[in-house]
Protein backbone atom coordinates (compact mmCIF):
# COMPACT_ATOMS: atom_id res chain seq x y z
CA MET A 1 -75.39 48.04 28.13
CA ASP A 2 -76.54 50.83 26.12
CA VAL A 3 -77.25 52.76 29.01
CA SER A 4 -74.30 52.39 30.80
CA PHE A 5 -72.35 53.80 27.52
CA SER A 6 -74.85 56.57 27.67
CA ASN A 7 -74.05 57.10 31.17
CA LEU A 8 -70.20 56.85 30.28
CA LYS A 9 -70.66 59.36 27.71
CA ASP A 10 -72.26 61.72 30.01
CA GLN A 11 -69.75 61.49 32.46
CA ILE A 12 -67.39 62.54 29.93
CA PHE A 13 -69.05 65.20 28.43
CA LEU A 14 -69.51 66.79 32.02
CA ALA A 15 -65.90 66.23 32.98
CA ILE A 16 -64.98 68.26 29.81
CA THR A 17 -66.84 70.71 30.34
CA GLN A 18 -66.02 70.86 34.19
CA TYR A 19 -62.44 70.77 33.87
CA GLY A 20 -61.71 70.96 30.10
CA GLY A 21 -61.59 75.16 29.90
CA LYS A 22 -59.16 74.56 33.39
CA ILE A 23 -56.97 72.29 31.71
CA LEU A 24 -56.57 74.56 28.64
CA LEU A 25 -56.11 77.48 30.48
CA ALA A 26 -53.10 75.75 32.54
CA LEU A 27 -51.76 74.26 29.51
CA ILE A 28 -51.76 77.85 28.35
CA VAL A 29 -50.30 79.63 31.12
CA PHE A 30 -47.45 76.39 31.53
CA ILE A 31 -47.03 77.18 27.78
CA ILE A 32 -46.45 80.74 27.92
CA GLY A 33 -44.59 80.78 31.38
CA ARG A 34 -41.58 78.83 30.42
CA LYS A 35 -41.00 80.98 27.78
CA ILE A 36 -41.25 84.01 29.96
CA ILE A 37 -38.79 82.67 32.53
CA ALA A 38 -36.64 81.15 29.76
CA LYS A 39 -36.25 85.64 28.52
CA ALA A 40 -36.12 86.59 32.04
CA SER A 41 -33.29 84.34 31.81
CA GLN A 42 -31.42 85.97 29.26
CA VAL A 43 -32.15 89.32 30.03
CA LEU A 44 -30.68 89.02 33.86
CA GLY A 45 -27.70 87.02 32.62
CA SER A 46 -27.68 90.18 30.41
CA LYS A 47 -28.34 92.98 32.71
CA MET A 48 -25.59 91.55 34.72
CA ASN A 49 -22.92 91.30 32.15
CA LYS A 50 -23.29 94.97 31.83
CA SER A 51 -23.07 96.29 35.31
CA ASN A 52 -20.15 94.16 35.63
CA PHE A 53 -21.81 91.91 38.36
CA ASP A 54 -19.78 89.07 39.64
CA LYS A 55 -19.15 86.58 37.34
CA ASP A 56 -18.75 83.81 39.84
CA ILE A 57 -22.02 84.46 41.01
CA GLN A 58 -23.90 84.73 37.89
CA PRO A 59 -24.96 81.24 36.54
CA PHE A 60 -25.47 80.09 40.37
CA LEU A 61 -27.83 83.28 41.04
CA ILE A 62 -29.63 83.02 37.29
CA SER A 63 -30.19 79.02 38.27
CA LEU A 64 -32.04 79.65 41.24
CA VAL A 65 -34.20 82.52 39.77
CA SER A 66 -35.08 79.66 37.38
CA VAL A 67 -35.78 76.83 39.67
CA ALA A 68 -37.65 79.45 41.92
CA LEU A 69 -40.21 80.81 39.15
CA ASN A 70 -41.06 77.16 37.85
CA ILE A 71 -41.75 76.58 41.48
CA MET A 72 -44.15 79.04 41.46
CA LEU A 73 -45.82 78.50 37.94
CA LEU A 74 -46.20 74.92 38.63
CA LEU A 75 -48.49 76.60 41.90
CA SER A 76 -50.32 78.75 39.69
CA CYS A 77 -50.98 76.39 37.01
CA ALA A 78 -52.06 73.63 40.05
CA GLY A 79 -54.66 76.80 41.81
CA ILE A 80 -56.05 76.85 37.74
CA LEU A 81 -57.05 73.08 38.11
CA GLY A 82 -58.53 73.64 41.33
CA ILE A 83 -55.90 71.76 43.40
CA GLN A 84 -55.35 73.41 46.96
CA THR A 85 -51.96 75.02 46.91
CA THR A 86 -51.77 74.12 50.50
CA SER A 87 -51.98 70.17 49.80
CA PHE A 88 -49.57 70.84 46.28
CA VAL A 89 -46.80 72.31 48.80
CA ALA A 90 -47.20 69.54 51.40
CA VAL A 91 -46.81 67.18 48.75
CA LEU A 92 -43.98 69.16 47.13
CA GLY A 93 -41.99 69.12 50.41
CA ALA A 94 -42.65 65.24 50.97
CA ALA A 95 -41.12 64.79 47.46
CA GLY A 96 -38.09 67.16 48.14
CA LEU A 97 -37.36 65.07 51.37
CA ALA A 98 -37.74 62.38 49.58
CA VAL A 99 -35.33 63.24 46.48
CA GLY A 100 -33.19 65.07 48.95
CA LEU A 101 -32.40 61.97 51.33
CA ALA A 102 -32.11 59.85 47.61
CA LEU A 103 -29.67 62.78 46.18
CA GLN A 104 -27.36 63.60 49.52
CA GLY A 105 -24.65 64.23 47.08
CA SER A 106 -25.82 66.62 45.00
CA LEU A 107 -26.91 68.88 48.50
CA SER A 108 -23.60 68.78 49.51
CA ASN A 109 -22.55 69.85 46.03
CA PHE A 110 -25.25 73.00 46.52
CA ALA A 111 -24.22 73.32 49.92
CA GLY A 112 -20.49 73.53 48.73
CA GLY A 113 -21.32 76.05 45.79
CA VAL A 114 -22.61 78.10 48.36
CA LEU A 115 -19.45 78.02 50.43
CA ILE A 116 -17.34 78.70 47.23
CA LEU A 117 -19.37 81.58 45.96
CA ILE A 118 -19.10 83.30 50.03
CA PHE A 119 -15.68 82.48 50.84
CA LYS A 120 -14.11 82.78 46.84
CA PRO A 121 -10.92 80.10 47.03
CA TYR A 122 -11.08 80.69 42.99
CA ARG A 123 -12.71 83.09 40.51
CA VAL A 124 -13.70 82.84 36.91
CA GLY A 125 -10.47 82.86 35.01
CA ASP A 126 -8.48 81.50 37.73
CA LEU A 127 -6.18 78.63 36.93
CA ILE A 128 -6.54 76.48 39.54
CA SER A 129 -5.24 72.65 40.77
CA ALA A 130 -7.24 70.37 42.62
CA GLN A 131 -8.73 67.20 42.88
CA GLY A 132 -5.43 66.10 40.42
CA TYR A 133 -6.80 68.39 37.80
CA THR A 134 -5.25 71.55 36.82
CA GLY A 135 -7.39 74.08 34.42
CA THR A 136 -8.83 77.54 34.00
CA VAL A 137 -12.39 78.33 36.19
CA GLU A 138 -14.69 78.69 33.48
CA SER A 139 -17.87 78.86 35.82
CA VAL A 140 -18.99 77.74 38.87
CA GLN A 141 -22.72 76.50 38.78
CA ILE A 142 -25.13 75.06 41.22
CA PHE A 143 -23.68 71.59 41.71
CA ASN A 144 -20.29 71.83 39.67
CA THR A 145 -17.35 73.77 38.78
CA ILE A 146 -16.68 74.15 35.06
CA LEU A 147 -12.66 74.38 34.01
CA VAL A 148 -10.81 74.27 31.06
CA THR A 149 -7.53 72.46 30.71
CA PRO A 150 -4.64 73.75 29.16
CA ASP A 151 -5.17 71.19 25.82
CA ASN A 152 -8.62 72.62 25.96
CA LYS A 153 -10.28 70.10 27.52
CA THR A 154 -13.21 70.29 29.73
CA LEU A 155 -13.32 68.87 33.56
CA ILE A 156 -16.45 68.88 35.50
CA LEU A 157 -15.39 68.73 39.32
CA PRO A 158 -18.31 68.61 41.99
CA ASN A 159 -18.48 71.50 44.48
CA GLY A 160 -18.92 69.30 47.66
CA ALA A 161 -15.79 67.92 47.01
CA LEU A 162 -13.60 71.04 46.08
CA ALA A 163 -14.99 73.08 49.00
CA THR A 164 -13.89 70.18 51.36
CA SER A 165 -10.01 69.78 50.23
CA ALA A 166 -7.26 71.30 49.49
CA ILE A 167 -7.14 73.99 46.38
CA THR A 168 -3.94 75.97 44.80
CA ASN A 169 -5.29 78.74 43.21
CA ILE A 170 -2.07 79.08 40.78
CA SER A 171 -2.87 82.62 39.31
CA GLY A 172 -4.56 83.92 42.12
CA LYS A 173 -2.18 86.44 43.10
CA GLY A 174 -1.94 87.30 39.70
CA THR A 175 1.90 86.92 38.97
CA ILE A 176 3.51 83.87 39.07
CA ARG A 177 7.11 82.26 38.66
CA VAL A 178 8.49 80.37 36.44
CA ASP A 179 11.23 77.71 37.82
CA MET A 180 13.51 75.92 35.09
CA VAL A 181 17.13 74.45 35.47
CA PHE A 182 19.65 74.96 32.99
CA ALA A 183 23.01 72.61 32.72
CA VAL A 184 26.54 74.06 31.18
CA GLY A 185 29.76 72.14 31.25
CA ASN A 186 31.45 72.68 34.11
CA HIS A 187 34.74 74.20 32.16
CA ASN A 188 33.03 77.26 30.90
CA SER A 189 33.35 80.58 32.88
CA LEU A 190 30.86 80.92 35.69
CA ALA A 191 30.79 85.14 35.13
CA SER A 192 29.97 84.08 31.67
CA VAL A 193 27.17 81.88 32.08
CA LYS A 194 25.18 83.72 34.59
CA LYS A 195 26.29 87.04 31.57
CA ALA A 196 24.09 84.69 28.98
CA PHE A 197 21.37 83.61 31.39
CA THR A 198 20.48 87.41 32.08
CA ASN A 199 20.47 88.77 28.69
CA ALA A 200 17.78 85.60 27.91
CA VAL A 201 15.65 86.67 30.70
CA HIS A 202 15.99 90.12 30.31
CA ASN A 203 15.16 89.86 26.30
CA CYS A 204 11.84 87.82 27.14
CA PRO A 205 8.90 90.50 26.10
CA THR A 206 6.45 88.44 28.75
CA ALA A 207 9.28 88.46 31.61
CA LEU A 208 8.19 91.21 34.34
CA GLN A 209 11.57 92.93 34.62
CA ASN A 210 10.18 95.21 37.42
CA MET A 211 10.61 91.96 39.86
CA GLU A 212 13.95 90.42 40.89
CA HIS A 213 14.76 87.04 38.87
CA ASP A 214 16.99 84.63 40.16
CA ILE A 215 20.29 83.03 38.36
CA LEU A 216 22.04 80.55 40.94
CA LEU A 217 24.24 77.66 40.78
CA ASN A 218 22.44 74.86 41.93
CA SER A 219 24.94 71.99 42.11
CA MET A 220 28.21 70.59 40.72
CA THR A 221 29.06 67.39 39.24
CA GLU A 222 31.75 65.85 37.40
CA ASN A 223 31.10 67.45 34.02
CA ALA A 224 27.73 69.55 34.67
CA LEU A 225 26.93 72.69 35.99
CA LYS A 226 23.56 72.93 37.00
CA PHE A 227 21.78 76.58 37.25
CA ASP A 228 17.73 77.78 39.11
CA VAL A 229 16.76 80.12 36.56
CA ARG A 230 13.64 81.46 38.03
CA VAL A 231 11.37 84.40 36.21
CA TRP A 232 8.39 86.31 37.47
CA THR A 233 5.87 86.87 34.77
CA ASN A 234 1.87 87.64 34.59
CA SER A 235 -0.11 84.10 35.31
CA GLU A 236 -1.80 83.92 31.91
CA ASN A 237 1.68 84.18 30.23
CA TYR A 238 3.27 81.11 32.52
CA TRP A 239 4.21 78.99 29.06
CA ALA A 240 4.54 81.77 26.96
CA THR A 241 7.46 82.84 29.41
CA TYR A 242 8.84 79.05 30.05
CA TYR A 243 9.46 78.24 26.41
CA GLY A 244 10.64 81.79 25.22
CA VAL A 245 13.35 81.89 28.37
CA THR A 246 14.29 78.00 27.29
CA GLU A 247 14.82 79.17 23.45
CA LEU A 248 16.62 82.81 24.31
CA VAL A 249 19.32 80.71 26.82
CA TYR A 250 19.99 78.13 23.88
CA GLU A 251 20.68 81.57 21.70
CA HIS A 252 22.60 83.15 24.04
CA LEU A 253 24.81 80.43 25.46
CA LYS A 254 25.90 79.35 21.80
CA LYS A 255 26.44 83.32 21.12
CA GLU A 256 29.16 83.47 24.35
CA GLY A 257 30.44 80.15 23.36
CA ILE A 258 28.98 78.55 26.32
CA GLU A 259 29.16 74.35 25.51
CA ALA A 260 27.08 71.80 27.31
CA PRO A 261 28.03 69.12 29.65
CA LYS A 262 31.05 66.83 27.76
CA ILE A 263 29.64 62.69 28.55
CA HIS A 264 32.28 60.91 29.49
CA LEU A 265 32.65 57.35 28.74
CA ASN A 266 35.01 54.77 30.57
CA LEU A 267 36.24 52.29 28.44
CA HIS A 268 37.56 48.85 30.16
CA GLN A 269 39.03 45.64 28.04
CA LEU A 270 38.49 42.63 29.74
CA SER A 271 41.33 39.77 30.04
């Protein structure tokens, strides 16, 4: 028993003397390497911002660089430990294949992200509608696109689905038309009603006065005239224009003495 314990101690001591230094060195290299990679990612992001690099590609490219540097770091640590890098690469390849088969959806999202960055159906800052959601693009990442809704909720949509489905880029052209419908009593003068709507649009600070706006009679009922009011504005001013014109329409209709549709009730007495 004493001989076996003595042999075990000798083997442990031998292993420590042979591999302890390598393990310690590999650990130090790994820790320092991780810190360098994190710092390099920050510097890369800062340089991209200063050089006005495409904001759509920034997070995607930084993530790819980080992954590549981490793989190189692992290979370096494996070399320090005496592991043959060719064998290590083969193991990584086999593991990557297994993980890839298990995560086909994630690979689809990665491919979708690449397609989005190449063909640019939308950019950071665009207001889009896709997959039943509407929001402003905050970032395009490796697997997902991040949207922020008008009520400040964060949406995470997979790139794979976005790359293969219909997307409405609401703000892609820079300007957008705000469509509104208003009803007034049918006893009002058509000219005075149009004058009130025109003044409302011209007094809205976010309406683009260099573009043609539409004020059209849509339909007539027993007691109402319905008008389509279509106003052009910059994409980011959509809601400001919508509510601004609505308030101004109310003020100018009142100023012109134009009344709302009257409700007629017919009462029938049952005998």
